[in-house]
N, C-alpha and C. Protein backbone atom coordinates (compact mmCIF):
# COMPACT_ATOMS: atom_id res chain seq x y z
N MET A 1 17.09 64.42 -19.39
CA MET A 1 16.97 64.13 -17.96
C MET A 1 17.46 65.34 -17.17
N ASN A 2 16.63 65.83 -16.30
CA ASN A 2 17.02 66.94 -15.44
C ASN A 2 17.42 66.36 -14.09
N ILE A 3 18.67 66.48 -13.75
CA ILE A 3 19.21 65.88 -12.55
C ILE A 3 18.47 66.32 -11.30
N SER A 4 18.10 67.57 -11.23
CA SER A 4 17.44 68.06 -10.02
C SER A 4 16.07 67.45 -9.80
N ASP A 5 15.49 66.84 -10.84
CA ASP A 5 14.18 66.20 -10.72
C ASP A 5 14.28 64.73 -10.33
N MET A 6 15.46 64.20 -10.28
CA MET A 6 15.66 62.79 -9.96
C MET A 6 16.18 62.66 -8.53
N THR A 7 15.38 62.09 -7.66
CA THR A 7 15.73 62.01 -6.26
C THR A 7 17.10 61.36 -6.05
N ILE A 8 17.32 60.23 -6.70
CA ILE A 8 18.60 59.53 -6.51
C ILE A 8 19.77 60.44 -6.84
N LEU A 9 19.68 61.14 -7.94
CA LEU A 9 20.80 61.99 -8.36
C LEU A 9 20.93 63.23 -7.49
N SER A 10 19.82 63.88 -7.21
CA SER A 10 19.90 65.12 -6.43
C SER A 10 20.36 64.83 -5.00
N LYS A 11 19.91 63.75 -4.40
CA LYS A 11 20.31 63.44 -3.02
C LYS A 11 21.72 62.87 -2.96
N ALA A 12 22.21 62.36 -4.08
CA ALA A 12 23.60 61.90 -4.13
C ALA A 12 24.56 63.05 -4.39
N GLY A 13 24.01 64.21 -4.74
CA GLY A 13 24.84 65.38 -4.99
C GLY A 13 25.39 65.45 -6.40
N VAL A 14 24.82 64.68 -7.30
CA VAL A 14 25.26 64.72 -8.71
C VAL A 14 24.70 65.99 -9.33
N THR A 15 25.56 66.79 -9.94
CA THR A 15 25.14 68.02 -10.60
C THR A 15 25.35 67.89 -12.10
N GLN A 16 24.72 68.79 -12.84
CA GLN A 16 24.82 68.76 -14.31
C GLN A 16 26.27 68.82 -14.78
N ASN A 17 27.12 69.52 -14.06
CA ASN A 17 28.49 69.73 -14.51
C ASN A 17 29.50 68.79 -13.86
N SER A 18 29.04 67.85 -13.07
CA SER A 18 29.98 66.95 -12.40
C SER A 18 30.49 65.88 -13.37
N ALA A 19 31.63 65.32 -13.03
CA ALA A 19 32.20 64.26 -13.85
C ALA A 19 31.26 63.07 -13.92
N LEU A 20 30.53 62.85 -12.87
CA LEU A 20 29.63 61.70 -12.82
C LEU A 20 28.38 61.88 -13.67
N SER A 21 28.01 63.11 -13.97
CA SER A 21 26.77 63.34 -14.74
C SER A 21 26.84 62.70 -16.12
N GLY A 22 28.01 62.66 -16.73
CA GLY A 22 28.15 62.02 -18.03
C GLY A 22 27.92 60.52 -17.95
N VAL A 23 28.46 59.92 -16.92
CA VAL A 23 28.26 58.49 -16.71
C VAL A 23 26.80 58.19 -16.45
N VAL A 24 26.20 58.98 -15.61
CA VAL A 24 24.79 58.79 -15.25
C VAL A 24 23.89 58.99 -16.45
N SER A 25 24.19 59.96 -17.29
CA SER A 25 23.32 60.22 -18.44
C SER A 25 23.30 59.04 -19.40
N SER A 26 24.37 58.26 -19.43
CA SER A 26 24.36 57.07 -20.28
C SER A 26 23.49 55.96 -19.69
N ARG A 27 23.11 56.11 -18.45
CA ARG A 27 22.22 55.16 -17.77
C ARG A 27 20.93 55.85 -17.35
N GLY A 28 20.57 56.90 -18.06
CA GLY A 28 19.40 57.70 -17.71
C GLY A 28 18.12 56.90 -17.62
N ASN A 29 18.00 55.85 -18.44
CA ASN A 29 16.78 55.05 -18.41
C ASN A 29 16.61 54.36 -17.05
N ILE A 30 17.71 53.92 -16.46
CA ILE A 30 17.63 53.26 -15.16
C ILE A 30 17.24 54.26 -14.08
N ILE A 31 17.85 55.43 -14.12
CA ILE A 31 17.52 56.46 -13.14
C ILE A 31 16.08 56.91 -13.32
N GLY A 32 15.66 57.05 -14.55
CA GLY A 32 14.27 57.43 -14.83
C GLY A 32 13.27 56.40 -14.32
N MET A 33 13.60 55.13 -14.51
CA MET A 33 12.73 54.06 -14.01
C MET A 33 12.70 54.06 -12.48
N ALA A 34 13.83 54.37 -11.87
CA ALA A 34 13.86 54.45 -10.40
C ALA A 34 12.96 55.58 -9.91
N GLN A 35 12.93 56.68 -10.65
CA GLN A 35 12.07 57.81 -10.26
C GLN A 35 10.60 57.40 -10.39
N VAL A 36 10.27 56.67 -11.44
CA VAL A 36 8.90 56.18 -11.61
C VAL A 36 8.54 55.23 -10.47
N ALA A 37 9.49 54.36 -10.11
CA ALA A 37 9.24 53.43 -9.00
C ALA A 37 9.02 54.18 -7.69
N GLU A 38 9.80 55.25 -7.49
CA GLU A 38 9.62 56.05 -6.28
C GLU A 38 8.20 56.61 -6.21
N GLU A 39 7.74 57.15 -7.31
CA GLU A 39 6.37 57.68 -7.35
C GLU A 39 5.36 56.59 -7.07
N ALA A 40 5.61 55.40 -7.62
CA ALA A 40 4.66 54.30 -7.44
C ALA A 40 4.56 53.82 -6.00
N VAL A 41 5.66 53.82 -5.27
CA VAL A 41 5.60 53.34 -3.89
C VAL A 41 5.27 54.43 -2.88
N LEU A 42 5.57 55.68 -3.22
CA LEU A 42 5.27 56.77 -2.30
C LEU A 42 3.93 57.45 -2.57
N ARG A 43 3.51 57.44 -3.80
CA ARG A 43 2.25 58.10 -4.16
C ARG A 43 1.42 57.21 -5.09
N PRO A 44 1.12 55.99 -4.65
CA PRO A 44 0.37 55.07 -5.53
C PRO A 44 -1.08 55.52 -5.71
N LYS A 45 -1.69 55.04 -6.77
CA LYS A 45 -3.10 55.35 -6.99
C LYS A 45 -3.96 54.74 -5.88
N ASP A 46 -3.61 53.53 -5.46
CA ASP A 46 -4.31 52.88 -4.35
C ASP A 46 -3.33 52.77 -3.20
N SER A 47 -3.44 53.68 -2.25
CA SER A 47 -2.48 53.71 -1.15
C SER A 47 -2.86 52.77 -0.01
N GLY A 48 -4.01 52.16 -0.08
CA GLY A 48 -4.44 51.26 0.99
C GLY A 48 -4.45 52.00 2.32
N ALA A 49 -3.90 51.37 3.34
CA ALA A 49 -3.92 51.95 4.69
C ALA A 49 -2.81 52.96 4.91
N PHE A 50 -1.91 53.09 3.92
CA PHE A 50 -0.75 53.95 4.10
C PHE A 50 -0.84 55.18 3.21
N ALA A 51 -1.38 56.25 3.76
CA ALA A 51 -1.50 57.52 3.03
C ALA A 51 -0.10 58.05 2.71
N HIS A 52 -0.05 59.00 1.80
CA HIS A 52 1.24 59.53 1.35
C HIS A 52 2.08 60.06 2.50
N ASP A 53 1.48 60.81 3.43
CA ASP A 53 2.29 61.39 4.51
C ASP A 53 2.86 60.30 5.43
N LEU A 54 2.13 59.22 5.64
CA LEU A 54 2.65 58.11 6.43
C LEU A 54 3.78 57.41 5.67
N ARG A 55 3.60 57.23 4.37
CA ARG A 55 4.67 56.62 3.55
C ARG A 55 5.92 57.49 3.59
N ALA A 56 5.74 58.80 3.53
CA ALA A 56 6.89 59.70 3.58
C ALA A 56 7.61 59.59 4.92
N ALA A 57 6.85 59.48 6.00
CA ALA A 57 7.47 59.31 7.33
C ALA A 57 8.24 58.01 7.42
N ILE A 58 7.67 56.94 6.87
CA ILE A 58 8.36 55.65 6.86
C ILE A 58 9.62 55.74 6.02
N ALA A 59 9.53 56.41 4.87
CA ALA A 59 10.70 56.58 4.01
C ALA A 59 11.80 57.37 4.74
N ALA A 60 11.41 58.42 5.42
CA ALA A 60 12.39 59.21 6.18
C ALA A 60 13.01 58.36 7.28
N ARG A 61 12.20 57.56 7.91
CA ARG A 61 12.68 56.68 8.99
C ARG A 61 13.72 55.69 8.45
N VAL A 62 13.40 55.04 7.33
CA VAL A 62 14.32 54.07 6.74
C VAL A 62 15.62 54.76 6.32
N ALA A 63 15.51 55.94 5.73
CA ALA A 63 16.72 56.69 5.34
C ALA A 63 17.55 57.04 6.57
N ARG A 64 16.89 57.44 7.62
CA ARG A 64 17.59 57.80 8.86
C ARG A 64 18.25 56.57 9.48
N LEU A 65 17.56 55.45 9.45
CA LEU A 65 18.15 54.21 9.96
C LEU A 65 19.39 53.82 9.16
N ALA A 66 19.41 54.19 7.89
CA ALA A 66 20.56 53.91 7.02
C ALA A 66 21.64 54.97 7.15
N GLY A 67 21.38 55.99 7.96
CA GLY A 67 22.37 57.05 8.17
C GLY A 67 22.42 58.09 7.09
N ASP A 68 21.35 58.21 6.29
CA ASP A 68 21.31 59.19 5.22
C ASP A 68 20.38 60.33 5.59
N GLU A 69 20.93 61.32 6.26
CA GLU A 69 20.12 62.46 6.73
C GLU A 69 19.58 63.31 5.59
N ARG A 70 20.34 63.44 4.51
CA ARG A 70 19.86 64.24 3.39
C ARG A 70 18.60 63.64 2.78
N LEU A 71 18.60 62.33 2.57
CA LEU A 71 17.42 61.65 2.04
C LEU A 71 16.30 61.66 3.08
N ALA A 72 16.64 61.47 4.34
CA ALA A 72 15.63 61.49 5.40
C ALA A 72 14.91 62.85 5.45
N ALA A 73 15.66 63.93 5.35
CA ALA A 73 15.06 65.27 5.37
C ALA A 73 14.14 65.48 4.17
N TYR A 74 14.55 64.97 3.03
CA TYR A 74 13.74 65.08 1.81
C TYR A 74 12.37 64.44 2.03
N TYR A 75 12.35 63.24 2.55
CA TYR A 75 11.08 62.56 2.78
C TYR A 75 10.32 63.15 3.97
N ALA A 76 11.03 63.51 5.01
CA ALA A 76 10.37 64.06 6.21
C ALA A 76 9.59 65.33 5.90
N ALA A 77 10.02 66.06 4.89
CA ALA A 77 9.32 67.29 4.52
C ALA A 77 7.87 67.04 4.10
N ASP A 78 7.57 65.79 3.68
CA ASP A 78 6.21 65.45 3.24
C ASP A 78 5.46 64.59 4.26
N ALA A 79 6.03 64.41 5.45
CA ALA A 79 5.45 63.50 6.43
C ALA A 79 4.25 64.07 7.18
N GLY A 80 4.06 65.38 7.12
CA GLY A 80 2.89 66.00 7.74
C GLY A 80 2.64 65.55 9.16
N GLN A 81 1.42 65.10 9.43
CA GLN A 81 1.02 64.69 10.78
C GLN A 81 1.81 63.51 11.31
N TYR A 82 2.50 62.81 10.44
CA TYR A 82 3.29 61.64 10.87
C TYR A 82 4.77 61.96 11.02
N SER A 83 5.13 63.21 11.03
CA SER A 83 6.55 63.59 11.03
C SER A 83 7.33 62.99 12.19
N THR A 84 6.71 62.81 13.33
CA THR A 84 7.44 62.24 14.47
C THR A 84 7.87 60.80 14.21
N LEU A 85 7.17 60.10 13.31
CA LEU A 85 7.51 58.71 13.03
C LEU A 85 8.80 58.57 12.22
N ALA A 86 9.30 59.67 11.68
CA ALA A 86 10.57 59.63 10.97
C ALA A 86 11.73 59.39 11.93
N ASP A 87 11.48 59.59 13.21
CA ASP A 87 12.49 59.35 14.24
C ASP A 87 12.47 57.86 14.61
N PRO A 88 13.58 57.14 14.40
CA PRO A 88 13.60 55.72 14.72
C PRO A 88 13.34 55.40 16.19
N GLU A 89 13.43 56.39 17.05
CA GLU A 89 13.12 56.16 18.48
C GLU A 89 11.62 56.12 18.74
N GLU A 90 10.84 56.65 17.82
CA GLU A 90 9.38 56.67 17.97
C GLU A 90 8.83 55.27 17.73
N THR A 91 7.98 54.80 18.63
CA THR A 91 7.49 53.42 18.55
C THR A 91 6.07 53.28 18.01
N GLY A 92 5.36 54.38 17.84
CA GLY A 92 3.98 54.29 17.39
C GLY A 92 3.00 54.33 18.54
N GLY A 93 3.51 54.37 19.75
CA GLY A 93 2.66 54.52 20.92
C GLY A 93 1.68 53.38 21.13
N GLN A 94 0.48 53.74 21.51
CA GLN A 94 -0.55 52.77 21.86
C GLN A 94 -1.31 52.23 20.65
N GLN A 95 -0.99 52.70 19.47
CA GLN A 95 -1.70 52.24 18.28
C GLN A 95 -1.05 50.92 17.81
N ASP A 96 -1.72 49.80 18.07
CA ASP A 96 -1.16 48.50 17.80
C ASP A 96 -0.71 48.34 16.34
N GLU A 97 -1.57 48.74 15.41
CA GLU A 97 -1.24 48.58 14.00
C GLU A 97 0.00 49.40 13.64
N LEU A 98 0.04 50.64 14.06
CA LEU A 98 1.17 51.50 13.74
C LEU A 98 2.46 51.00 14.41
N ALA A 99 2.36 50.57 15.65
CA ALA A 99 3.53 50.04 16.36
C ALA A 99 4.05 48.80 15.65
N ALA A 100 3.16 47.94 15.19
CA ALA A 100 3.58 46.73 14.47
C ALA A 100 4.23 47.08 13.15
N VAL A 101 3.68 48.06 12.45
CA VAL A 101 4.24 48.50 11.17
C VAL A 101 5.65 49.04 11.38
N LEU A 102 5.83 49.91 12.36
CA LEU A 102 7.15 50.50 12.60
C LEU A 102 8.17 49.44 13.03
N SER A 103 7.76 48.52 13.87
CA SER A 103 8.64 47.45 14.29
C SER A 103 9.07 46.61 13.08
N PHE A 104 8.12 46.31 12.23
CA PHE A 104 8.41 45.53 11.02
C PHE A 104 9.36 46.28 10.10
N VAL A 105 9.07 47.56 9.86
CA VAL A 105 9.91 48.39 8.99
C VAL A 105 11.33 48.43 9.54
N ASP A 106 11.47 48.68 10.82
CA ASP A 106 12.81 48.77 11.42
C ASP A 106 13.58 47.47 11.24
N LYS A 107 12.92 46.36 11.46
CA LYS A 107 13.59 45.07 11.33
C LYS A 107 13.96 44.78 9.87
N VAL A 108 13.01 44.94 8.98
CA VAL A 108 13.26 44.61 7.57
C VAL A 108 14.29 45.56 6.97
N ALA A 109 14.30 46.80 7.39
CA ALA A 109 15.25 47.77 6.84
C ALA A 109 16.66 47.54 7.37
N ASN A 110 16.80 47.02 8.57
CA ASN A 110 18.11 46.89 9.20
C ASN A 110 18.61 45.46 9.35
N GLN A 111 17.70 44.55 9.50
CA GLN A 111 18.07 43.16 9.73
C GLN A 111 17.28 42.25 8.79
N THR A 112 17.36 42.55 7.51
CA THR A 112 16.55 41.86 6.51
C THR A 112 16.70 40.35 6.64
N ARG A 113 17.89 39.91 6.85
CA ARG A 113 18.18 38.48 6.94
C ARG A 113 17.41 37.81 8.06
N GLU A 114 17.07 38.56 9.09
CA GLU A 114 16.39 38.00 10.25
C GLU A 114 14.86 38.06 10.15
N ALA A 115 14.34 38.68 9.11
CA ALA A 115 12.89 38.77 8.94
C ALA A 115 12.34 37.36 8.69
N ALA A 116 11.22 37.09 9.32
CA ALA A 116 10.65 35.74 9.23
C ALA A 116 9.13 35.81 9.12
N ALA A 117 8.55 34.68 8.90
CA ALA A 117 7.09 34.59 8.77
C ALA A 117 6.39 35.16 9.99
N GLU A 118 7.00 35.03 11.15
CA GLU A 118 6.37 35.55 12.38
C GLU A 118 6.21 37.07 12.32
N ASP A 119 7.12 37.73 11.61
CA ASP A 119 7.03 39.19 11.50
C ASP A 119 5.80 39.59 10.68
N VAL A 120 5.55 38.85 9.62
CA VAL A 120 4.35 39.10 8.81
C VAL A 120 3.11 38.74 9.62
N ALA A 121 3.18 37.65 10.35
CA ALA A 121 2.04 37.25 11.19
C ALA A 121 1.74 38.32 12.24
N GLY A 122 2.78 38.98 12.74
CA GLY A 122 2.58 40.07 13.70
C GLY A 122 1.82 41.23 13.09
N LEU A 123 2.12 41.54 11.83
CA LEU A 123 1.38 42.59 11.15
C LEU A 123 -0.08 42.18 10.97
N GLN A 124 -0.29 40.94 10.55
CA GLN A 124 -1.65 40.45 10.37
C GLN A 124 -2.43 40.48 11.68
N ALA A 125 -1.79 40.08 12.75
CA ALA A 125 -2.44 40.08 14.07
C ALA A 125 -2.81 41.49 14.52
N ALA A 126 -2.03 42.46 14.08
CA ALA A 126 -2.31 43.86 14.43
C ALA A 126 -3.37 44.47 13.53
N GLY A 127 -3.85 43.71 12.55
CA GLY A 127 -4.92 44.19 11.68
C GLY A 127 -4.49 44.73 10.35
N VAL A 128 -3.23 44.54 9.97
CA VAL A 128 -2.75 45.00 8.67
C VAL A 128 -3.15 43.97 7.62
N SER A 129 -3.81 44.41 6.59
CA SER A 129 -4.27 43.49 5.54
C SER A 129 -3.09 42.96 4.73
N ASP A 130 -3.31 41.84 4.08
CA ASP A 130 -2.26 41.25 3.25
C ASP A 130 -1.83 42.22 2.14
N ALA A 131 -2.79 42.88 1.52
CA ALA A 131 -2.46 43.85 0.46
C ALA A 131 -1.60 44.98 1.00
N ASP A 132 -1.89 45.43 2.21
CA ASP A 132 -1.08 46.50 2.81
C ASP A 132 0.30 46.00 3.24
N ILE A 133 0.40 44.75 3.60
CA ILE A 133 1.73 44.18 3.91
C ILE A 133 2.58 44.17 2.65
N VAL A 134 1.98 43.81 1.54
CA VAL A 134 2.71 43.84 0.25
C VAL A 134 3.12 45.28 -0.07
N ARG A 135 2.23 46.22 0.10
CA ARG A 135 2.55 47.63 -0.16
C ARG A 135 3.72 48.10 0.72
N LEU A 136 3.68 47.71 1.97
CA LEU A 136 4.74 48.09 2.90
C LEU A 136 6.09 47.48 2.48
N CYS A 137 6.06 46.23 2.10
CA CYS A 137 7.29 45.56 1.65
C CYS A 137 7.84 46.20 0.38
N GLU A 138 6.97 46.60 -0.53
CA GLU A 138 7.41 47.29 -1.74
C GLU A 138 8.10 48.60 -1.40
N LEU A 139 7.52 49.33 -0.47
CA LEU A 139 8.11 50.60 -0.06
C LEU A 139 9.50 50.40 0.56
N VAL A 140 9.60 49.49 1.49
CA VAL A 140 10.88 49.25 2.17
C VAL A 140 11.93 48.72 1.19
N ALA A 141 11.51 47.83 0.29
CA ALA A 141 12.47 47.29 -0.68
C ALA A 141 12.98 48.39 -1.61
N PHE A 142 12.08 49.25 -2.06
CA PHE A 142 12.53 50.35 -2.92
C PHE A 142 13.50 51.26 -2.17
N LEU A 143 13.20 51.57 -0.93
CA LEU A 143 14.07 52.45 -0.16
C LEU A 143 15.45 51.83 0.05
N ALA A 144 15.49 50.53 0.26
CA ALA A 144 16.79 49.84 0.41
C ALA A 144 17.60 50.02 -0.87
N PHE A 145 16.96 49.85 -2.01
CA PHE A 145 17.61 50.06 -3.31
C PHE A 145 18.09 51.50 -3.44
N GLN A 146 17.20 52.44 -3.17
CA GLN A 146 17.51 53.86 -3.34
C GLN A 146 18.68 54.29 -2.44
N VAL A 147 18.65 53.89 -1.19
CA VAL A 147 19.73 54.24 -0.26
C VAL A 147 21.07 53.72 -0.76
N ARG A 148 21.08 52.51 -1.26
CA ARG A 148 22.34 51.92 -1.72
C ARG A 148 22.86 52.58 -2.99
N VAL A 149 21.97 52.90 -3.92
CA VAL A 149 22.41 53.57 -5.15
C VAL A 149 22.96 54.95 -4.81
N ILE A 150 22.28 55.68 -3.95
CA ILE A 150 22.74 57.00 -3.56
C ILE A 150 24.12 56.90 -2.90
N ALA A 151 24.28 55.95 -2.00
CA ALA A 151 25.58 55.77 -1.33
C ALA A 151 26.67 55.45 -2.36
N GLY A 152 26.37 54.61 -3.32
CA GLY A 152 27.32 54.26 -4.36
C GLY A 152 27.70 55.46 -5.21
N LEU A 153 26.72 56.27 -5.58
CA LEU A 153 27.01 57.47 -6.37
C LEU A 153 27.86 58.47 -5.58
N ARG A 154 27.57 58.59 -4.31
CA ARG A 154 28.39 59.49 -3.48
C ARG A 154 29.85 59.01 -3.43
N LEU A 155 30.04 57.73 -3.31
CA LEU A 155 31.39 57.18 -3.30
C LEU A 155 32.09 57.41 -4.64
N MET A 156 31.37 57.22 -5.72
CA MET A 156 31.95 57.43 -7.05
C MET A 156 32.35 58.89 -7.23
N GLN A 157 31.57 59.80 -6.70
CA GLN A 157 31.91 61.22 -6.82
C GLN A 157 33.19 61.55 -6.06
N ARG A 158 33.34 60.97 -4.89
CA ARG A 158 34.56 61.22 -4.11
C ARG A 158 35.79 60.69 -4.84
N GLU A 159 35.64 59.54 -5.50
CA GLU A 159 36.77 58.95 -6.23
C GLU A 159 37.12 59.76 -7.47
N SER A 160 36.10 60.40 -8.10
CA SER A 160 36.38 61.15 -9.31
C SER A 160 36.82 62.57 -9.01
N ALA A 161 36.71 63.01 -7.77
CA ALA A 161 37.07 64.38 -7.39
C ALA A 161 38.57 64.55 -7.21
């Protein structure tokens, strides 16, 4: 396992020579599976309505909402034409579908407990297909996992330092 190739480890600041690298290497299969999951949600074979650059912008936005600028910058680098959407202040403008997607992402990423059927209905009303709603939920769920694991690894590094 090359630490620099694993987003969770590299963004958490885990290096080959750190005390935490030994612990992480014993759980390399989990980190490796997380990397595969990242590829699956950010660069799927069937991206539906969410092209890679839009997914990267959403990922950067979720990371930024979680207060993780390092992870946000990593994803924002691939956001291309959607780079402005990485800013949580950006609403999607007059594009109903995009505005609904961003509103949904912001709510689910920050107030998961408050997400309700009406939020999904709002996406459907804006023209987002059911398959794309599932894709969007997969992306946000993975990012929630990734942000938390990175935060945990950073805390563990501070304790071992």
